[in-house]
PDB file of N, CA and C in Angstrom:
ATOM      1  N   MET A   1       4.190  -6.601  -2.880  1.00  0.00           N
ATOM      2  CA  MET A   1       3.284  -6.182  -1.817  1.00  0.00           C
ATOM      3  C   MET A   1       1.861  -6.546  -2.193  1.00  0.00           C
ATOM      4  N   LYS A   2       1.075  -6.769  -1.190  1.00  0.00           N
ATOM      5  CA  LYS A   2      -0.319  -7.140  -1.357  1.00  0.00           C
ATOM      6  C   LYS A   2      -1.204  -5.985  -0.912  1.00  0.00           C
ATOM      7  N   ARG A   3      -2.257  -5.729  -1.649  1.00  0.00           N
ATOM      8  CA  ARG A   3      -3.192  -4.664  -1.307  1.00  0.00           C
ATOM      9  C   ARG A   3      -4.142  -5.151  -0.205  1.00  0.00           C
ATOM     10  N   LEU A   4      -4.464  -4.252   0.727  1.00  0.00           N
ATOM     11  CA  LEU A   4      -5.337  -4.583   1.855  1.00  0.00           C
ATOM     12  C   LEU A   4      -6.289  -3.422   2.099  1.00  0.00           C
ATOM     13  N   THR A   5      -7.555  -3.717   2.235  1.00  0.00           N
ATOM     14  CA  THR A   5      -8.546  -2.690   2.544  1.00  0.00           C
ATOM     15  C   THR A   5      -8.977  -2.855   3.990  1.00  0.00           C
ATOM     16  N   LEU A   6      -8.888  -1.774   4.752  1.00  0.00           N
ATOM     17  CA  LEU A   6      -9.283  -1.793   6.155  1.00  0.00           C
ATOM     18  C   LEU A   6     -10.427  -0.818   6.376  1.00  0.00           C
ATOM     19  N   TYR A   7     -11.331  -1.170   7.251  1.00  0.00           N
ATOM     20  CA  TYR A   7     -12.422  -0.287   7.628  1.00  0.00           C
ATOM     21  C   TYR A   7     -12.244   0.082   9.095  1.00  0.00           C
ATOM     22  N   MET A   8     -12.142   1.386   9.350  1.00  0.00           N
ATOM     23  CA  MET A   8     -11.920   1.866  10.709  1.00  0.00           C
ATOM     24  C   MET A   8     -12.774   3.086  10.970  1.00  0.00           C
ATOM     25  N   ASP A   9     -12.936   3.359  12.239  1.00  0.00           N
ATOM     26  CA  ASP A   9     -13.633   4.559  12.667  1.00  0.00           C
ATOM     27  C   ASP A   9     -12.943   5.784  12.064  1.00  0.00           C
ATOM     28  N   GLU A  10     -13.705   6.763  11.663  1.00  0.00           N
ATOM     29  CA  GLU A  10     -13.163   7.960  11.013  1.00  0.00           C
ATOM     30  C   GLU A  10     -12.121   8.673  11.880  1.00  0.00           C
ATOM     31  N   ALA A  11     -12.373   8.725  13.185  1.00  0.00           N
ATOM     32  CA  ALA A  11     -11.433   9.391  14.092  1.00  0.00           C
ATOM     33  C   ALA A  11     -10.097   8.648  14.135  1.00  0.00           C
ATOM     34  N   VAL A  12     -10.137   7.326  14.084  1.00  0.00           N
ATOM     35  CA  VAL A  12      -8.914   6.521  14.093  1.00  0.00           C
ATOM     36  C   VAL A  12      -8.113   6.798  12.825  1.00  0.00           C
ATOM     37  N   VAL A  13      -8.803   6.846  11.696  1.00  0.00           N
ATOM     38  CA  VAL A  13      -8.140   7.118  10.425  1.00  0.00           C
ATOM     39  C   VAL A  13      -7.498   8.509  10.445  1.00  0.00           C
ATOM     40  N   LYS A  14      -8.225   9.486  10.954  1.00  0.00           N
ATOM     41  CA  LYS A  14      -7.714  10.859  11.018  1.00  0.00           C
ATOM     42  C   LYS A  14      -6.441  10.914  11.859  1.00  0.00           C
ATOM     43  N   ASN A  15      -6.468  10.270  13.031  1.00  0.00           N
ATOM     44  CA  ASN A  15      -5.292  10.262  13.906  1.00  0.00           C
ATOM     45  C   ASN A  15      -4.136   9.489  13.280  1.00  0.00           C
ATOM     46  N   ALA A  16      -4.445   8.390  12.611  1.00  0.00           N
ATOM     47  CA  ALA A  16      -3.401   7.605  11.959  1.00  0.00           C
ATOM     48  C   ALA A  16      -2.728   8.419  10.854  1.00  0.00           C
ATOM     49  N   LYS A  17      -3.508   9.173  10.105  1.00  0.00           N
ATOM     50  CA  LYS A  17      -2.947  10.024   9.049  1.00  0.00           C
ATOM     51  C   LYS A  17      -2.056  11.112   9.647  1.00  0.00           C
ATOM     52  N   ARG A  18      -2.464  11.661  10.779  1.00  0.00           N
ATOM     53  CA  ARG A  18      -1.669  12.694  11.445  1.00  0.00           C
ATOM     54  C   ARG A  18      -0.340  12.113  11.916  1.00  0.00           C
ATOM     55  N   ILE A  19      -0.395  10.931  12.497  1.00  0.00           N
ATOM     56  CA  ILE A  19       0.823  10.269  12.965  1.00  0.00           C
ATOM     57  C   ILE A  19       1.753   9.980  11.789  1.00  0.00           C
ATOM     58  N   ALA A  20       1.176   9.501  10.692  1.00  0.00           N
ATOM     59  CA  ALA A  20       1.978   9.204   9.505  1.00  0.00           C
ATOM     60  C   ALA A  20       2.664  10.460   8.985  1.00  0.00           C
ATOM     61  N   LYS A  21       1.927  11.551   8.928  1.00  0.00           N
ATOM     62  CA  LYS A  21       2.501  12.804   8.432  1.00  0.00           C
ATOM     63  C   LYS A  21       3.623  13.284   9.337  1.00  0.00           C
ATOM     64  N   GLN A  22       3.410  13.245  10.646  1.00  0.00           N
ATOM     65  CA  GLN A  22       4.432  13.693  11.599  1.00  0.00           C
ATOM     66  C   GLN A  22       5.660  12.800  11.561  1.00  0.00           C
ATOM     67  N   SER A  23       5.457  11.530  11.276  1.00  0.00           N
ATOM     68  CA  SER A  23       6.570  10.575  11.216  1.00  0.00           C
ATOM     69  C   SER A  23       7.226  10.563   9.852  1.00  0.00           C
ATOM     70  N   GLU A  24       6.680  11.352   8.944  1.00  0.00           N
ATOM     71  CA  GLU A  24       7.164  11.395   7.569  1.00  0.00           C
ATOM     72  C   GLU A  24       7.143  10.006   6.940  1.00  0.00           C
ATOM     73  N   MET A  25       6.026   9.308   7.173  1.00  0.00           N
ATOM     74  CA  MET A  25       5.817   7.969   6.630  1.00  0.00           C
ATOM     75  C   MET A  25       4.462   7.945   5.928  1.00  0.00           C
ATOM     76  N   SER A  26       4.267   6.953   5.085  1.00  0.00           N
ATOM     77  CA  SER A  26       2.949   6.787   4.481  1.00  0.00           C
ATOM     78  C   SER A  26       2.046   6.102   5.501  1.00  0.00           C
ATOM     79  N   LEU A  27       0.752   6.248   5.309  1.00  0.00           N
ATOM     80  CA  LEU A  27      -0.202   5.587   6.209  1.00  0.00           C
ATOM     81  C   LEU A  27      -0.015   4.074   6.134  1.00  0.00           C
ATOM     82  N   SER A  28       0.222   3.565   4.942  1.00  0.00           N
ATOM     83  CA  SER A  28       0.463   2.122   4.771  1.00  0.00           C
ATOM     84  C   SER A  28       1.682   1.678   5.575  1.00  0.00           C
ATOM     85  N   ALA A  29       2.735   2.492   5.574  1.00  0.00           N
ATOM     86  CA  ALA A  29       3.943   2.144   6.321  1.00  0.00           C
ATOM     87  C   ALA A  29       3.673   2.125   7.827  1.00  0.00           C
ATOM     88  N   VAL A  30       2.886   3.075   8.313  1.00  0.00           N
ATOM     89  CA  VAL A  30       2.553   3.124   9.743  1.00  0.00           C
ATOM     90  C   VAL A  30       1.759   1.883  10.145  1.00  0.00           C
ATOM     91  N   VAL A  31       0.745   1.548   9.369  1.00  0.00           N
ATOM     92  CA  VAL A  31      -0.084   0.377   9.676  1.00  0.00           C
ATOM     93  C   VAL A  31       0.761  -0.892   9.570  1.00  0.00           C
ATOM     94  N   GLY A  32       1.589  -0.975   8.531  1.00  0.00           N
ATOM     95  CA  GLY A  32       2.452  -2.138   8.367  1.00  0.00           C
ATOM     96  C   GLY A  32       3.417  -2.301   9.528  1.00  0.00           C
ATOM     97  N   GLU A  33       3.993  -1.188   9.984  1.00  0.00           N
ATOM     98  CA  GLU A  33       4.924  -1.232  11.111  1.00  0.00           C
ATOM     99  C   GLU A  33       4.220  -1.700  12.387  1.00  0.00           C
ATOM    100  N   TYR A  34       2.987  -1.232  12.580  1.00  0.00           N
ATOM    101  CA  TYR A  34       2.214  -1.664  13.751  1.00  0.00           C
ATOM    102  C   TYR A  34       2.095  -3.183  13.771  1.00  0.00           C
ATOM    103  N   PHE A  35       1.732  -3.759  12.632  1.00  0.00           N
ATOM    104  CA  PHE A  35       1.553  -5.208  12.586  1.00  0.00           C
ATOM    105  C   PHE A  35       2.881  -5.957  12.635  1.00  0.00           C
ATOM    106  N   ARG A  36       3.956  -5.377  12.080  1.00  0.00           N
ATOM    107  CA  ARG A  36       5.270  -6.013  12.198  1.00  0.00           C
ATOM    108  C   ARG A  36       5.683  -6.118  13.667  1.00  0.00           C
ATOM    109  N   VAL A  37       5.461  -5.051  14.423  1.00  0.00           N
ATOM    110  CA  VAL A  37       5.792  -5.054  15.851  1.00  0.00           C
ATOM    111  C   VAL A  37       4.912  -6.055  16.586  1.00  0.00           C
ATOM    112  N   ALA A  38       3.632  -6.077  16.243  1.00  0.00           N
ATOM    113  CA  ALA A  38       2.700  -6.995  16.908  1.00  0.00           C
ATOM    114  C   ALA A  38       3.108  -8.439  16.679  1.00  0.00           C
ATOM    115  N   VAL A  39       3.473  -8.769  15.466  1.00  0.00           N
ATOM    116  CA  VAL A  39       3.866 -10.139  15.145  1.00  0.00           C
ATOM    117  C   VAL A  39       5.195 -10.487  15.815  1.00  0.00           C
ATOM    118  N   LYS A  40       6.138  -9.555  15.812  1.00  0.00           N
ATOM    119  CA  LYS A  40       7.434  -9.787  16.453  1.00  0.00           C
ATOM    120  C   LYS A  40       7.285 -10.028  17.944  1.00  0.00           C
ATOM    121  N   SER A  41       6.359  -9.306  18.570  1.00  0.00           N
ATOM    122  CA  SER A  41       6.205  -9.409  20.019  1.00  0.00           C
ATOM    123  C   SER A  41       5.634 -10.759  20.429  1.00  0.00           C
ATOM    124  N   LYS A  42       4.984 -11.436  19.496  1.00  0.00           N
ATOM    125  CA  LYS A  42       4.344 -12.734  19.769  1.00  0.00           C
ATOM    126  C   LYS A  42       3.397 -12.630  20.960  1.00  0.00           C
ATOM    127  N   ASN A  43       2.866 -11.447  21.169  1.00  0.00           N
ATOM    128  CA  ASN A  43       1.975 -11.195  22.291  1.00  0.00           C
ATOM    129  C   ASN A  43       0.576 -10.974  21.741  1.00  0.00           C
ATOM    130  N   VAL A  44      -0.295 -11.951  21.933  1.00  0.00           N
ATOM    131  CA  VAL A  44      -1.654 -11.878  21.399  1.00  0.00           C
ATOM    132  C   VAL A  44      -2.400 -10.687  21.986  1.00  0.00           C
ATOM    133  N   GLU A  45      -2.112 -10.324  23.225  1.00  0.00           N
ATOM    134  CA  GLU A  45      -2.777  -9.196  23.860  1.00  0.00           C
ATOM    135  C   GLU A  45      -2.515  -7.897  23.110  1.00  0.00           C
ATOM    136  N   PHE A  46      -1.352  -7.816  22.481  1.00  0.00           N
ATOM    137  CA  PHE A  46      -0.986  -6.626  21.718  1.00  0.00           C
ATOM    138  C   PHE A  46      -2.019  -6.362  20.629  1.00  0.00           C
ATOM    139  N   LEU A  47      -2.516  -7.418  20.023  1.00  0.00           N
ATOM    140  CA  LEU A  47      -3.497  -7.266  18.950  1.00  0.00           C
ATOM    141  C   LEU A  47      -4.905  -7.029  19.475  1.00  0.00           C
ATOM    142  N   LYS A  48      -5.173  -7.390  20.714  1.00  0.00           N
ATOM    143  CA  LYS A  48      -6.527  -7.257  21.270  1.00  0.00           C
ATOM    144  C   LYS A  48      -6.844  -5.830  21.704  1.00  0.00           C
ATOM    145  N   GLY A  49      -5.840  -5.048  21.941  1.00  0.00           N
ATOM    146  CA  GLY A  49      -6.073  -3.684  22.397  1.00  0.00           C
ATOM    147  C   GLY A  49      -4.785  -3.044  22.865  1.00  0.00           C
ATOM    148  N   ILE A  50      -4.904  -1.847  23.276  1.00  0.00           N
ATOM    149  CA  ILE A  50      -3.725  -1.117  23.731  1.00  0.00           C
ATOM    150  C   ILE A  50      -3.385  -1.564  25.147  1.00  0.00           C
ATOM    151  N   PRO A  51      -2.133  -1.936  25.391  1.00  0.00           N
ATOM    152  CA  PRO A  51      -1.732  -2.368  26.734  1.00  0.00           C
ATOM    153  C   PRO A  51      -1.917  -1.245  27.757  1.00  0.00           C
ATOM    154  N   PRO A  52      -2.188  -1.613  29.014  1.00  0.00           N
ATOM    155  CA  PRO A  52      -2.400  -0.609  30.058  1.00  0.00           C
ATOM    156  C   PRO A  52      -1.248   0.385  30.200  1.00  0.00           C
ATOM    157  N   LEU A  53      -0.006  -0.090  30.055  1.00  0.00           N
ATOM    158  CA  LEU A  53       1.136   0.807  30.174  1.00  0.00           C
ATOM    159  C   LEU A  53       1.083   1.891  29.104  1.00  0.00           C
ATOM    160  N   VAL A  54       0.760   1.509  27.889  1.00  0.00           N
ATOM    161  CA  VAL A  54       0.661   2.484  26.805  1.00  0.00           C
ATOM    162  C   VAL A  54      -0.504   3.431  27.067  1.00  0.00           C
ATOM    163  N   MET A  55      -1.614   2.904  27.536  1.00  0.00           N
ATOM    164  CA  MET A  55      -2.768   3.739  27.857  1.00  0.00           C
ATOM    165  C   MET A  55      -2.385   4.798  28.899  1.00  0.00           C
ATOM    166  N   SER A  56      -1.541   4.415  29.841  1.00  0.00           N
ATOM    167  CA  SER A  56      -1.147   5.368  30.882  1.00  0.00           C
ATOM    168  C   SER A  56      -0.269   6.482  30.320  1.00  0.00           C
ATOM    169  N   MET A  57       0.312   6.262  29.157  1.00  0.00           N
ATOM    170  CA  MET A  57       1.198   7.264  28.558  1.00  0.00           C
ATOM    171  C   MET A  57       0.463   8.231  27.626  1.00  0.00           C
ATOM    172  N   ILE A  58      -0.763   7.924  27.294  1.00  0.00           N
ATOM    173  CA  ILE A  58      -1.502   8.785  26.374  1.00  0.00           C
ATOM    174  C   ILE A  58      -1.645  10.177  26.973  1.00  0.00           C
ATOM    175  N   GLY A  59      -1.293  11.173  26.182  1.00  0.00           N
ATOM    176  CA  GLY A  59      -1.399  12.557  26.612  1.00  0.00           C
ATOM    177  C   GLY A  59      -0.125  13.121  27.209  1.00  0.00           C
ATOM    178  N   ILE A  60       0.891  12.265  27.410  1.00  0.00           N
ATOM    179  CA  ILE A  60       2.149  12.750  27.980  1.00  0.00           C
ATOM    180  C   ILE A  60       2.836  13.711  27.018  1.00  0.00           C
ATOM    181  N   LEU A  61       2.862  13.356  25.755  1.00  0.00           N
ATOM    182  CA  LEU A  61       3.511  14.191  24.758  1.00  0.00           C
ATOM    183  C   LEU A  61       2.511  15.161  24.155  1.00  0.00           C
ATOM    184  N   THR A  62       2.975  16.352  23.874  1.00  0.00           N
ATOM    185  CA  THR A  62       2.094  17.334  23.250  1.00  0.00           C
ATOM    186  C   THR A  62       2.257  17.293  21.746  1.00  0.00           C
ATOM    187  N   ASP A  63       1.219  17.652  21.044  1.00  0.00           N
ATOM    188  CA  ASP A  63       1.256  17.691  19.587  1.00  0.00           C
ATOM    189  C   ASP A  63       1.507  19.128  19.169  1.00  0.00           C
ATOM    190  N   ASP A  64       2.771  19.438  18.897  1.00  0.00           N
ATOM    191  CA  ASP A  64       3.091  20.806  18.501  1.00  0.00           C
ATOM    192  C   ASP A  64       3.429  20.902  17.017  1.00  0.00           C
ATOM    193  N   GLY A  65       3.094  19.859  16.259  1.00  0.00           N
ATOM    194  CA  GLY A  65       3.268  19.885  14.817  1.00  0.00           C
ATOM    195  C   GLY A  65       4.673  19.573  14.333  1.00  0.00           C
ATOM    196  N   LYS A  66       5.567  19.165  15.233  1.00  0.00           N
ATOM    197  CA  LYS A  66       6.935  18.854  14.833  1.00  0.00           C
ATOM    198  C   LYS A  66       6.998  17.457  14.225  1.00  0.00           C
ATOM    199  N   THR A  67       7.939  17.282  13.302  1.00  0.00           N
ATOM    200  CA  THR A  67       8.145  15.968  12.702  1.00  0.00           C
ATOM    201  C   THR A  67       8.964  15.104  13.645  1.00  0.00           C
ATOM    202  N   TYR A  68       8.976  13.820  13.353  1.00  0.00           N
ATOM    203  CA  TYR A  68       9.752  12.877  14.145  1.00  0.00           C
ATOM    204  C   TYR A  68      11.227  13.278  14.144  1.00  0.00           C
ATOM    205  N   LYS A  69      11.746  13.665  12.972  1.00  0.00           N
ATOM    206  CA  LYS A  69      13.156  14.041  12.866  1.00  0.00           C
ATOM    207  C   LYS A  69      13.469  15.267  13.714  1.00  0.00           C
ATOM    208  N   GLU A  70      12.562  16.233  13.766  1.00  0.00           N
ATOM    209  CA  GLU A  70      12.774  17.428  14.590  1.00  0.00           C
ATOM    210  C   GLU A  70      12.762  17.085  16.074  1.00  0.00           C
ATOM    211  N   ILE A  71      11.826  16.221  16.473  1.00  0.00           N
ATOM    212  CA  ILE A  71      11.733  15.808  17.879  1.00  0.00           C
ATOM    213  C   ILE A  71      12.990  15.040  18.281  1.00  0.00           C
ATOM    214  N   ARG A  72      13.439  14.146  17.405  1.00  0.00           N
ATOM    215  CA  ARG A  72      14.638  13.356  17.690  1.00  0.00           C
ATOM    216  C   ARG A  72      15.861  14.267  17.832  1.00  0.00           C
ATOM    217  N   ALA A  73      15.989  15.248  16.938  1.00  0.00           N
ATOM    218  CA  ALA A  73      17.122  16.183  17.002  1.00  0.00           C
ATOM    219  C   ALA A  73      17.101  16.967  18.312  1.00  0.00           C
ATOM    220  N   GLU A  74      15.917  17.427  18.721  1.00  0.00           N
ATOM    221  CA  GLU A  74      15.791  18.149  19.995  1.00  0.00           C
ATOM    222  C   GLU A  74      16.197  17.250  21.155  1.00  0.00           C
ATOM    223  N   TYR A  75      15.776  15.998  21.123  1.00  0.00           N
ATOM    224  CA  TYR A  75      16.096  15.064  22.203  1.00  0.00           C
ATOM    225  C   TYR A  75      17.602  14.828  22.277  1.00  0.00           C
ATOM    226  N   TYR A  76      18.249  14.654  21.129  1.00  0.00           N
ATOM    227  CA  TYR A  76      19.698  14.460  21.122  1.00  0.00           C
ATOM    228  C   TYR A  76      20.426  15.695  21.656  1.00  0.00           C
ATOM    229  N   ARG A  77      19.940  16.887  21.292  1.00  0.00           N
ATOM    230  CA  ARG A  77      20.541  18.115  21.823  1.00  0.00           C
ATOM    231  C   ARG A  77      20.380  18.166  23.342  1.00  0.00           C
ATOM    232  N   HIS A  78      19.211  17.767  23.822  1.00  0.00           N
ATOM    233  CA  HIS A  78      18.945  17.734  25.260  1.00  0.00           C
ATOM    234  C   HIS A  78      19.922  16.788  25.961  1.00  0.00           C
ATOM    235  N   LEU A  79      20.104  15.585  25.411  1.00  0.00           N
ATOM    236  CA  LEU A  79      21.018  14.625  26.020  1.00  0.00           C
ATOM    237  C   LEU A  79      22.451  15.130  26.017  1.00  0.00           C
ATOM    238  N   GLU A  80      22.845  15.724  24.900  1.00  0.00           N
ATOM    239  CA  GLU A  80      24.203  16.261  24.807  1.00  0.00           C
ATOM    240  C   GLU A  80      24.421  17.351  25.855  1.00  0.00           C
ATOM    241  N   ASP A  81      23.464  18.253  25.998  1.00  0.00           N
ATOM    242  CA  ASP A  81      23.555  19.326  26.981  1.00  0.00           C
ATOM    243  C   ASP A  81      23.587  18.762  28.399  1.00  0.00           C
ATOM    244  N   LYS A  82      22.736  17.787  28.665  1.00  0.00           N
ATOM    245  CA  LYS A  82      22.661  17.175  29.989  1.00  0.00           C
ATOM    246  C   LYS A  82      24.000  16.541  30.373  1.00  0.00           C
ATOM    247  N   HIS A  83      24.562  15.773  29.447  1.00  0.00           N
ATOM    248  CA  HIS A  83      25.808  15.084  29.752  1.00  0.00           C
ATOM    249  C   HIS A  83      26.990  16.047  29.819  1.00  0.00           C
ATOM    250  N   ASN A  84      26.971  17.093  29.015  1.00  0.00           N
ATOM    251  CA  ASN A  84      28.025  18.110  29.115  1.00  0.00           C
ATOM    252  C   ASN A  84      27.984  18.787  30.476  1.00  0.00           C
ATOM    253  N   LYS A  85      26.796  19.071  30.983  1.00  0.00           N
ATOM    254  CA  LYS A  85      26.659  19.697  32.307  1.00  0.00           C
ATOM    255  C   LYS A  85      27.166  18.757  33.399  1.00  0.00           C
ATOM    256  N   GLN A  86      26.865  17.463  33.270  1.00  0.00           N
ATOM    257  CA  GLN A  86      27.319  16.502  34.268  1.00  0.00           C
ATOM    258  C   GLN A  86      28.839  16.404  34.272  1.00  0.00           C
ATOM    259  N   ILE A  87      29.439  16.380  33.093  1.00  0.00           N
ATOM    260  CA  ILE A  87      30.896  16.295  32.991  1.00  0.00           C
ATOM    261  C   ILE A  87      31.538  17.539  33.602  1.00  0.00           C
ATOM    262  N   MET A  88      30.989  18.716  33.294  1.00  0.00           N
ATOM    263  CA  MET A  88      31.540  19.955  33.839  1.00  0.00           C
ATOM    264  C   MET A  88      31.404  19.989  35.364  1.00  0.00           C
ATOM    265  N   ALA A  89      30.312  19.496  35.883  1.00  0.00           N
ATOM    266  CA  ALA A  89      30.115  19.462  37.342  1.00  0.00           C
ATOM    267  C   ALA A  89      31.139  18.534  37.989  1.00  0.00           C
ATOM    268  N   GLU A  90      31.416  17.415  37.342  1.00  0.00           N
ATOM    269  CA  GLU A  90      32.420  16.485  37.876  1.00  0.00           C
ATOM    270  C   GLU A  90      33.799  17.113  37.846  1.00  0.00           C
ATOM    271  N   ILE A  91      34.123  17.825  36.768  1.00  0.00           N
ATOM    272  CA  ILE A  91      35.420  18.488  36.665  1.00  0.00           C
ATOM    273  C   ILE A  91      35.565  19.544  37.749  1.00  0.00           C
ATOM    274  N   ARG A  92      34.527  20.350  37.945  1.00  0.00           N
ATOM    275  CA  ARG A  92      34.570  21.392  38.977  1.00  0.00           C
ATOM    276  C   ARG A  92      34.678  20.798  40.375  1.00  0.00           C
ATOM    277  N   GLY A  93      34.050  19.636  40.562  1.00  0.00           N
ATOM    278  CA  GLY A  93      34.080  18.998  41.867  1.00  0.00           C
ATOM    279  C   GLY A  93      35.324  18.169  42.097  1.00  0.00           C
ATOM    280  N   GLY A  94      36.195  18.113  41.099  1.00  0.00           N
ATOM    281  CA  GLY A  94      37.446  17.378  41.248  1.00  0.00           C
ATOM    282  C   GLY A  94      37.300  15.881  41.096  1.00  0.00           C
ATOM    283  N   LYS A  95      36.183  15.451  40.523  1.00  0.00           N
ATOM    284  CA  LYS A  95      35.954  14.027  40.383  1.00  0.00           C
ATOM    285  C   LYS A  95      36.652  13.448  39.161  1.00  0.00           C
ATOM    286  N   ARG A  96      37.219  14.316  38.323  1.00  0.00           N
ATOM    287  CA  ARG A  96      37.942  13.837  37.114  1.00  0.00           C
ATOM    288  C   ARG A  96      39.368  14.212  37.187  1.00  0.00           C
TER     289      ARG A  96
END
């Protein structure tokens, strides 16, 4: 690995550290992943700024201090519950 020094606005660094902690990743891993995705996308606009679609999503999720693994587990439980309800509704309706 190669060492890299970046200079960023203090608020950006603070938010990046928070994201890294919630994702249970190092700050270096978060920054590295960002650039891996940017390079894979082969989309120069990705590096110039945040795409409008992503900008429209800012604020949708709340920051309640949960880790990525906790959020993922909750989401899987939600999907399991949702699909179980759909299956039961189909059974009751005679669709199965």
